[in-house]
Amino acid sequence: MEQWYVLKVKQGYEKKVTEGLTKMNIQVYCPIVKEVRFWSDRKKTVETPLIKSYVFIKSTEANRSTAFSVHGVERYLFWLGKPAIVRNEEIEVLKDWVSNDAVEDVVYAQLQPGDRATIRRGLLKDQVAIVRHVGKTRVSLVLEDMGIVVNARLKEVV
């Protein structure tokens, strides 16, 4: 039976690993978001992985090891001594979230690392998150039920 597993990859290799696994006919998902980067002379919209250093693959337990033939793959993510398995519903939530640009729809008020917050709107409505880091333009949230960290751009609050 095929299930979604979480692969830890070298930092910056998410897209390369995704391409390599796709060429091997392995179903792979790397959530990509668009973000605007500013340089001193210009701004540019770039595509970056939503979850840095991780990609999801759909495989059978017996075929999991074939992923290691792709350069950049480091290891599988384990949970309680077993390979972490992500439910199909959770992958679909990520896909919907990314395709609807919901990652940008984050509003915050004086969040501090360690705070618990319940997401009130969007596709992750009612998910409980722990605030990991708050920057000037980004927030990092740990979604314990899904076993992932999400980095989101903060929306300006007027």
N, C-alpha and C. Protein backbone atom coordinates (compact mmCIF):
# COMPACT_ATOMS: atom_id res chain seq x y z
N MET A 1 0.84 -1.19 0.00
CA MET A 1 0.00 0.00 0.00
C MET A 1 0.88 1.25 0.00
N GLU A 2 0.60 2.16 -0.91
CA GLU A 2 1.38 3.39 -0.98
C GLU A 2 0.92 4.39 0.07
N GLN A 3 1.91 5.04 0.69
CA GLN A 3 1.63 6.07 1.68
C GLN A 3 2.58 7.24 1.44
N TRP A 4 2.22 8.39 1.98
CA TRP A 4 3.09 9.55 1.88
C TRP A 4 4.11 9.52 3.01
N TYR A 5 5.38 9.67 2.64
CA TYR A 5 6.47 9.73 3.60
C TYR A 5 7.15 11.09 3.48
N VAL A 6 7.90 11.46 4.51
CA VAL A 6 8.59 12.75 4.52
C VAL A 6 10.08 12.50 4.37
N LEU A 7 10.67 13.10 3.33
CA LEU A 7 12.10 12.99 3.07
C LEU A 7 12.80 14.27 3.52
N LYS A 8 13.87 14.11 4.28
CA LYS A 8 14.74 15.24 4.63
C LYS A 8 15.78 15.33 3.53
N VAL A 9 15.94 16.52 2.96
CA VAL A 9 16.89 16.72 1.87
C VAL A 9 17.86 17.84 2.25
N LYS A 10 18.97 17.91 1.53
CA LYS A 10 19.93 18.98 1.77
C LYS A 10 19.25 20.32 1.54
N GLN A 11 19.66 21.32 2.33
CA GLN A 11 19.08 22.64 2.20
C GLN A 11 19.32 23.18 0.79
N GLY A 12 18.26 23.66 0.16
CA GLY A 12 18.35 24.20 -1.18
C GLY A 12 18.20 23.16 -2.28
N TYR A 13 18.04 21.88 -1.94
CA TYR A 13 17.92 20.80 -2.92
C TYR A 13 16.49 20.34 -3.13
N GLU A 14 15.53 21.02 -2.54
CA GLU A 14 14.14 20.57 -2.62
C GLU A 14 13.67 20.39 -4.06
N LYS A 15 13.90 21.38 -4.91
CA LYS A 15 13.45 21.31 -6.31
C LYS A 15 14.23 20.26 -7.09
N LYS A 16 15.54 20.16 -6.85
CA LYS A 16 16.37 19.18 -7.56
C LYS A 16 15.96 17.76 -7.20
N VAL A 17 15.72 17.52 -5.92
CA VAL A 17 15.28 16.19 -5.48
C VAL A 17 13.92 15.87 -6.08
N THR A 18 13.02 16.86 -6.09
CA THR A 18 11.69 16.66 -6.68
C THR A 18 11.80 16.26 -8.15
N GLU A 19 12.66 16.95 -8.89
CA GLU A 19 12.87 16.62 -10.31
C GLU A 19 13.45 15.21 -10.47
N GLY A 20 14.44 14.86 -9.65
CA GLY A 20 15.06 13.55 -9.74
C GLY A 20 14.09 12.42 -9.43
N LEU A 21 13.28 12.59 -8.40
CA LEU A 21 12.30 11.56 -8.04
C LEU A 21 11.21 11.45 -9.11
N THR A 22 10.82 12.58 -9.69
CA THR A 22 9.81 12.57 -10.75
C THR A 22 10.32 11.78 -11.96
N LYS A 23 11.61 11.97 -12.31
CA LYS A 23 12.21 11.24 -13.43
C LYS A 23 12.22 9.74 -13.17
N MET A 24 12.23 9.34 -11.89
CA MET A 24 12.21 7.92 -11.53
C MET A 24 10.78 7.40 -11.42
N ASN A 25 9.81 8.21 -11.82
CA ASN A 25 8.38 7.86 -11.74
C ASN A 25 7.91 7.63 -10.31
N ILE A 26 8.48 8.38 -9.38
CA ILE A 26 8.03 8.34 -7.99
C ILE A 26 7.17 9.58 -7.77
N GLN A 27 5.99 9.38 -7.21
CA GLN A 27 5.10 10.52 -6.95
C GLN A 27 5.70 11.33 -5.81
N VAL A 28 5.91 12.60 -6.07
CA VAL A 28 6.57 13.48 -5.10
C VAL A 28 5.82 14.79 -5.03
N TYR A 29 5.83 15.41 -3.85
CA TYR A 29 5.19 16.71 -3.68
C TYR A 29 6.08 17.61 -2.84
N CYS A 30 6.39 18.76 -3.40
CA CYS A 30 7.15 19.79 -2.71
C CYS A 30 6.33 21.07 -2.80
N PRO A 31 5.65 21.47 -1.72
CA PRO A 31 4.82 22.67 -1.78
C PRO A 31 5.68 23.91 -2.06
N ILE A 32 5.34 24.63 -3.11
CA ILE A 32 6.09 25.81 -3.54
C ILE A 32 5.21 27.05 -3.40
N VAL A 33 5.79 28.11 -2.85
CA VAL A 33 5.08 29.38 -2.73
C VAL A 33 5.88 30.47 -3.43
N LYS A 34 5.18 31.51 -3.86
CA LYS A 34 5.84 32.65 -4.49
C LYS A 34 6.07 33.70 -3.42
N GLU A 35 7.26 34.27 -3.45
CA GLU A 35 7.54 35.34 -2.52
C GLU A 35 8.35 36.41 -3.22
N VAL A 36 8.16 37.64 -2.79
CA VAL A 36 8.86 38.77 -3.39
C VAL A 36 10.15 38.99 -2.61
N ARG A 37 11.26 39.00 -3.34
CA ARG A 37 12.57 39.26 -2.73
C ARG A 37 13.03 40.64 -3.18
N PHE A 38 13.61 41.38 -2.26
CA PHE A 38 14.07 42.73 -2.54
C PHE A 38 15.58 42.79 -2.54
N TRP A 39 16.14 43.40 -3.58
CA TRP A 39 17.55 43.70 -3.65
C TRP A 39 17.69 45.21 -3.67
N SER A 40 18.90 45.70 -3.60
CA SER A 40 19.09 47.15 -3.56
C SER A 40 18.61 47.82 -4.85
N ASP A 41 18.66 47.10 -5.98
CA ASP A 41 18.30 47.71 -7.25
C ASP A 41 17.01 47.19 -7.88
N ARG A 42 16.40 46.18 -7.28
CA ARG A 42 15.19 45.62 -7.89
C ARG A 42 14.45 44.72 -6.90
N LYS A 43 13.25 44.34 -7.31
CA LYS A 43 12.52 43.31 -6.58
C LYS A 43 12.12 42.23 -7.58
N LYS A 44 12.02 41.00 -7.11
CA LYS A 44 11.73 39.88 -8.00
C LYS A 44 10.86 38.88 -7.25
N THR A 45 9.91 38.29 -7.97
CA THR A 45 9.10 37.22 -7.40
C THR A 45 9.79 35.90 -7.68
N VAL A 46 10.05 35.15 -6.63
CA VAL A 46 10.74 33.86 -6.76
C VAL A 46 9.87 32.76 -6.14
N GLU A 47 10.07 31.55 -6.61
CA GLU A 47 9.36 30.40 -6.05
C GLU A 47 10.28 29.70 -5.06
N THR A 48 9.78 29.50 -3.83
CA THR A 48 10.57 28.84 -2.80
C THR A 48 9.74 27.75 -2.14
N PRO A 49 10.40 26.73 -1.60
CA PRO A 49 9.66 25.67 -0.90
C PRO A 49 8.99 26.21 0.36
N LEU A 50 7.77 25.79 0.59
CA LEU A 50 7.04 26.19 1.80
C LEU A 50 7.70 25.60 3.03
N ILE A 51 8.12 24.34 2.92
CA ILE A 51 8.74 23.64 4.05
C ILE A 51 10.19 23.37 3.65
N LYS A 52 11.09 24.15 4.19
CA LYS A 52 12.51 24.06 3.83
C LYS A 52 13.08 22.69 4.22
N SER A 53 13.87 22.11 3.31
CA SER A 53 14.62 20.87 3.52
C SER A 53 13.77 19.60 3.59
N TYR A 54 12.50 19.68 3.18
CA TYR A 54 11.65 18.49 3.19
C TYR A 54 10.84 18.39 1.91
N VAL A 55 10.62 17.16 1.45
CA VAL A 55 9.69 16.87 0.37
C VAL A 55 8.89 15.63 0.78
N PHE A 56 7.75 15.44 0.16
CA PHE A 56 6.88 14.30 0.45
C PHE A 56 6.93 13.35 -0.73
N ILE A 57 7.04 12.05 -0.46
CA ILE A 57 6.96 11.07 -1.55
C ILE A 57 5.89 10.04 -1.21
N LYS A 58 5.26 9.53 -2.26
CA LYS A 58 4.26 8.49 -2.09
C LYS A 58 4.90 7.20 -2.56
N SER A 59 5.01 6.24 -1.65
CA SER A 59 5.73 5.01 -1.95
C SER A 59 5.22 3.88 -1.06
N THR A 60 5.59 2.67 -1.44
CA THR A 60 5.34 1.53 -0.56
C THR A 60 6.51 1.41 0.41
N GLU A 61 6.29 0.75 1.49
CA GLU A 61 7.36 0.52 2.48
C GLU A 61 8.56 -0.16 1.82
N ALA A 62 8.30 -1.12 0.95
CA ALA A 62 9.38 -1.88 0.31
C ALA A 62 10.21 -1.03 -0.65
N ASN A 63 9.62 -0.01 -1.26
CA ASN A 63 10.32 0.80 -2.26
C ASN A 63 10.87 2.12 -1.71
N ARG A 64 10.75 2.34 -0.41
CA ARG A 64 11.21 3.62 0.17
C ARG A 64 12.69 3.88 -0.09
N SER A 65 13.50 2.85 -0.09
CA SER A 65 14.95 3.04 -0.20
C SER A 65 15.39 3.53 -1.58
N THR A 66 14.55 3.40 -2.61
CA THR A 66 14.94 3.85 -3.95
C THR A 66 15.17 5.36 -4.00
N ALA A 67 14.57 6.10 -3.09
CA ALA A 67 14.73 7.56 -3.07
C ALA A 67 16.18 7.97 -2.80
N PHE A 68 16.94 7.12 -2.14
CA PHE A 68 18.32 7.47 -1.79
C PHE A 68 19.25 7.52 -3.00
N SER A 69 18.79 7.08 -4.15
CA SER A 69 19.62 7.16 -5.36
C SER A 69 19.62 8.57 -5.96
N VAL A 70 18.81 9.46 -5.43
CA VAL A 70 18.76 10.85 -5.91
C VAL A 70 19.69 11.70 -5.04
N HIS A 71 20.58 12.44 -5.71
CA HIS A 71 21.52 13.30 -4.99
C HIS A 71 20.77 14.37 -4.21
N GLY A 72 21.10 14.52 -2.95
CA GLY A 72 20.47 15.53 -2.10
C GLY A 72 19.56 14.94 -1.05
N VAL A 73 19.17 13.68 -1.21
CA VAL A 73 18.31 13.03 -0.22
C VAL A 73 19.19 12.62 0.97
N GLU A 74 18.78 13.00 2.17
CA GLU A 74 19.56 12.68 3.37
C GLU A 74 18.98 11.51 4.16
N ARG A 75 17.69 11.60 4.48
CA ARG A 75 17.08 10.55 5.30
C ARG A 75 15.57 10.73 5.31
N TYR A 76 14.89 9.76 5.89
CA TYR A 76 13.46 9.89 6.12
C TYR A 76 13.24 10.50 7.50
N LEU A 77 12.14 11.20 7.64
CA LEU A 77 11.75 11.73 8.92
C LEU A 77 11.07 10.61 9.70
N PHE A 78 11.45 10.43 10.94
CA PHE A 78 10.88 9.38 11.78
C PHE A 78 10.07 10.00 12.90
N TRP A 79 9.02 9.30 13.31
CA TRP A 79 8.16 9.71 14.41
C TRP A 79 7.93 8.49 15.29
N LEU A 80 8.36 8.57 16.54
CA LEU A 80 8.24 7.48 17.50
C LEU A 80 8.90 6.19 16.99
N GLY A 81 10.05 6.33 16.37
CA GLY A 81 10.83 5.18 15.92
C GLY A 81 10.40 4.57 14.60
N LYS A 82 9.40 5.14 13.95
CA LYS A 82 8.91 4.62 12.67
C LYS A 82 8.92 5.75 11.65
N PRO A 83 9.02 5.40 10.35
CA PRO A 83 8.97 6.46 9.34
C PRO A 83 7.66 7.25 9.47
N ALA A 84 7.78 8.57 9.48
CA ALA A 84 6.60 9.44 9.59
C ALA A 84 5.73 9.27 8.36
N ILE A 85 4.46 9.07 8.57
CA ILE A 85 3.49 8.90 7.49
C ILE A 85 2.53 10.09 7.54
N VAL A 86 2.31 10.67 6.37
CA VAL A 86 1.41 11.81 6.24
C VAL A 86 0.14 11.32 5.55
N ARG A 87 -1.01 11.65 6.13
CA ARG A 87 -2.27 11.21 5.55
C ARG A 87 -2.55 11.94 4.24
N ASN A 88 -3.25 11.29 3.33
CA ASN A 88 -3.63 11.91 2.05
C ASN A 88 -4.35 13.24 2.27
N GLU A 89 -5.22 13.29 3.29
CA GLU A 89 -5.98 14.50 3.57
C GLU A 89 -5.06 15.66 3.91
N GLU A 90 -3.96 15.39 4.61
CA GLU A 90 -3.02 16.44 4.98
C GLU A 90 -2.27 16.97 3.76
N ILE A 91 -1.92 16.07 2.85
CA ILE A 91 -1.27 16.50 1.60
C ILE A 91 -2.24 17.36 0.79
N GLU A 92 -3.51 16.96 0.74
CA GLU A 92 -4.50 17.73 0.01
C GLU A 92 -4.70 19.11 0.61
N VAL A 93 -4.66 19.21 1.95
CA VAL A 93 -4.77 20.51 2.61
C VAL A 93 -3.60 21.39 2.20
N LEU A 94 -2.39 20.84 2.19
CA LEU A 94 -1.22 21.61 1.76
C LEU A 94 -1.36 22.07 0.31
N LYS A 95 -1.79 21.16 -0.56
CA LYS A 95 -1.97 21.50 -1.97
C LYS A 95 -2.99 22.62 -2.14
N ASP A 96 -4.12 22.51 -1.45
CA ASP A 96 -5.15 23.54 -1.54
C ASP A 96 -4.64 24.87 -0.98
N TRP A 97 -3.94 24.80 0.12
CA TRP A 97 -3.43 25.99 0.78
C TRP A 97 -2.47 26.72 -0.14
N VAL A 98 -1.55 26.00 -0.76
CA VAL A 98 -0.57 26.61 -1.65
C VAL A 98 -1.23 27.12 -2.92
N SER A 99 -2.15 26.34 -3.51
CA SER A 99 -2.77 26.75 -4.76
C SER A 99 -3.69 27.96 -4.59
N ASN A 100 -4.21 28.17 -3.40
CA ASN A 100 -5.08 29.31 -3.14
C ASN A 100 -4.35 30.50 -2.52
N ASP A 101 -3.02 30.44 -2.50
CA ASP A 101 -2.20 31.49 -1.91
C ASP A 101 -2.60 31.81 -0.48
N ALA A 102 -3.08 30.81 0.25
CA ALA A 102 -3.49 31.03 1.64
C ALA A 102 -2.30 31.28 2.55
N VAL A 103 -1.11 30.95 2.08
CA VAL A 103 0.08 31.15 2.89
C VAL A 103 0.28 32.63 3.18
N GLU A 104 -0.17 33.49 2.28
CA GLU A 104 -0.01 34.93 2.48
C GLU A 104 -1.07 35.50 3.40
N ASP A 105 -2.12 34.76 3.66
CA ASP A 105 -3.25 35.27 4.41
C ASP A 105 -3.05 35.04 5.91
N VAL A 106 -2.01 35.65 6.44
CA VAL A 106 -1.70 35.50 7.86
C VAL A 106 -1.76 36.88 8.51
N VAL A 107 -2.55 36.99 9.55
CA VAL A 107 -2.63 38.23 10.30
C VAL A 107 -2.22 37.90 11.73
N TYR A 108 -1.44 38.79 12.35
CA TYR A 108 -0.97 38.49 13.69
C TYR A 108 -1.07 39.70 14.59
N ALA A 109 -1.06 39.43 15.88
CA ALA A 109 -1.07 40.51 16.85
C ALA A 109 -0.19 40.09 18.03
N GLN A 110 0.98 40.68 18.11
CA GLN A 110 1.90 40.48 19.23
C GLN A 110 2.15 39.02 19.57
N LEU A 111 2.45 38.22 18.57
CA LEU A 111 2.79 36.82 18.81
C LEU A 111 4.19 36.71 19.37
N GLN A 112 4.39 35.77 20.27
CA GLN A 112 5.70 35.52 20.86
C GLN A 112 6.03 34.04 20.68
N PRO A 113 7.31 33.70 20.49
CA PRO A 113 7.69 32.28 20.40
C PRO A 113 7.18 31.52 21.62
N GLY A 114 6.61 30.35 21.36
CA GLY A 114 6.04 29.53 22.43
C GLY A 114 4.54 29.67 22.59
N ASP A 115 3.97 30.76 22.05
CA ASP A 115 2.51 30.96 22.14
C ASP A 115 1.79 29.86 21.37
N ARG A 116 0.65 29.45 21.88
CA ARG A 116 -0.23 28.54 21.16
C ARG A 116 -1.31 29.39 20.51
N ALA A 117 -1.57 29.10 19.23
CA ALA A 117 -2.57 29.87 18.51
C ALA A 117 -3.44 28.90 17.72
N THR A 118 -4.72 29.20 17.65
CA THR A 118 -5.64 28.44 16.82
C THR A 118 -5.90 29.24 15.56
N ILE A 119 -5.70 28.60 14.42
CA ILE A 119 -5.92 29.28 13.15
C ILE A 119 -7.42 29.44 12.96
N ARG A 120 -7.85 30.67 12.73
CA ARG A 120 -9.28 30.97 12.70
C ARG A 120 -9.92 30.89 11.33
N ARG A 121 -9.10 31.08 10.26
CA ARG A 121 -9.66 31.11 8.92
C ARG A 121 -8.81 30.28 7.98
N GLY A 122 -9.38 30.05 6.79
CA GLY A 122 -8.62 29.40 5.73
C GLY A 122 -8.68 27.88 5.80
N LEU A 123 -7.85 27.28 5.00
CA LEU A 123 -7.87 25.82 4.87
C LEU A 123 -7.38 25.09 6.12
N LEU A 124 -6.59 25.77 6.93
CA LEU A 124 -6.11 25.15 8.17
C LEU A 124 -6.91 25.59 9.38
N LYS A 125 -8.14 26.03 9.14
CA LYS A 125 -9.02 26.49 10.20
C LYS A 125 -9.10 25.44 11.31
N ASP A 126 -9.02 25.91 12.54
CA ASP A 126 -9.12 25.10 13.76
C ASP A 126 -7.87 24.27 14.05
N GLN A 127 -6.82 24.39 13.24
CA GLN A 127 -5.55 23.73 13.55
C GLN A 127 -4.86 24.53 14.66
N VAL A 128 -4.29 23.83 15.62
CA VAL A 128 -3.56 24.49 16.70
C VAL A 128 -2.09 24.52 16.29
N ALA A 129 -1.49 25.70 16.41
CA ALA A 129 -0.09 25.88 16.03
C ALA A 129 0.67 26.48 17.21
N ILE A 130 1.95 26.17 17.27
CA ILE A 130 2.84 26.78 18.25
C ILE A 130 3.74 27.75 17.50
N VAL A 131 3.81 28.98 17.96
CA VAL A 131 4.66 29.98 17.32
C VAL A 131 6.11 29.65 17.64
N ARG A 132 6.89 29.46 16.58
CA ARG A 132 8.31 29.13 16.74
C ARG A 132 9.19 30.36 16.63
N HIS A 133 8.86 31.24 15.67
CA HIS A 133 9.67 32.44 15.46
C HIS A 133 8.78 33.51 14.83
N VAL A 134 8.99 34.75 15.24
CA VAL A 134 8.28 35.87 14.64
C VAL A 134 9.32 36.87 14.17
N GLY A 135 9.32 37.14 12.86
CA GLY A 135 10.21 38.13 12.29
C GLY A 135 9.41 39.35 11.86
N LYS A 136 10.08 40.26 11.14
CA LYS A 136 9.40 41.47 10.68
C LYS A 136 8.35 41.17 9.63
N THR A 137 8.65 40.18 8.76
CA THR A 137 7.72 39.90 7.66
C THR A 137 7.28 38.44 7.60
N ARG A 138 7.79 37.60 8.51
CA ARG A 138 7.47 36.17 8.45
C ARG A 138 7.21 35.62 9.86
N VAL A 139 6.43 34.56 9.89
CA VAL A 139 6.20 33.85 11.15
C VAL A 139 6.40 32.36 10.87
N SER A 140 6.96 31.66 11.82
CA SER A 140 7.18 30.23 11.71
C SER A 140 6.27 29.54 12.72
N LEU A 141 5.41 28.65 12.21
CA LEU A 141 4.43 27.96 13.05
C LEU A 141 4.67 26.45 13.03
N VAL A 142 4.57 25.81 14.17
CA VAL A 142 4.67 24.36 14.26
C VAL A 142 3.26 23.81 14.34
N LEU A 143 2.89 23.00 13.33
CA LEU A 143 1.57 22.35 13.33
C LEU A 143 1.81 20.92 13.82
N GLU A 144 1.66 20.73 15.13
CA GLU A 144 1.99 19.45 15.74
C GLU A 144 1.19 18.29 15.17
N ASP A 145 -0.11 18.50 14.93
CA ASP A 145 -0.95 17.41 14.43
C ASP A 145 -0.47 16.91 13.07
N MET A 146 0.11 17.81 12.27
CA MET A 146 0.60 17.43 10.95
C MET A 146 2.09 17.10 10.98
N GLY A 147 2.76 17.43 12.08
CA GLY A 147 4.18 17.14 12.20
C GLY A 147 5.06 17.99 11.30
N ILE A 148 4.66 19.26 11.05
CA ILE A 148 5.43 20.10 10.15
C ILE A 148 5.60 21.50 10.73
N VAL A 149 6.55 22.22 10.17
CA VAL A 149 6.75 23.63 10.47
C VAL A 149 6.39 24.40 9.21
N VAL A 150 5.57 25.44 9.35
CA VAL A 150 5.17 26.26 8.21
C VAL A 150 5.73 27.66 8.42
N ASN A 151 6.40 28.15 7.39
CA ASN A 151 6.90 29.53 7.38
C ASN A 151 5.97 30.34 6.50
N ALA A 152 5.37 31.38 7.07
CA ALA A 152 4.39 32.16 6.33
C ALA A 152 4.76 33.64 6.35
N ARG A 153 4.45 34.30 5.24
CA ARG A 153 4.62 35.75 5.16
C ARG A 153 3.51 36.42 5.94
N LEU A 154 3.84 37.47 6.64
CA LEU A 154 2.83 38.19 7.40
C LEU A 154 2.16 39.23 6.51
N LYS A 155 0.88 39.33 6.64
CA LYS A 155 0.10 40.32 5.91
C LYS A 155 0.14 41.62 6.70
N GLU A 156 0.26 42.74 6.01
CA GLU A 156 0.27 44.02 6.70
C GLU A 156 -1.04 44.25 7.40
N VAL A 157 -0.97 44.71 8.63
CA VAL A 157 -2.17 45.02 9.39
C VAL A 157 -2.31 46.52 9.43
N VAL A 158 -3.45 47.01 8.92
CA VAL A 158 -3.65 48.47 8.83
C VAL A 158 -4.52 48.92 9.97
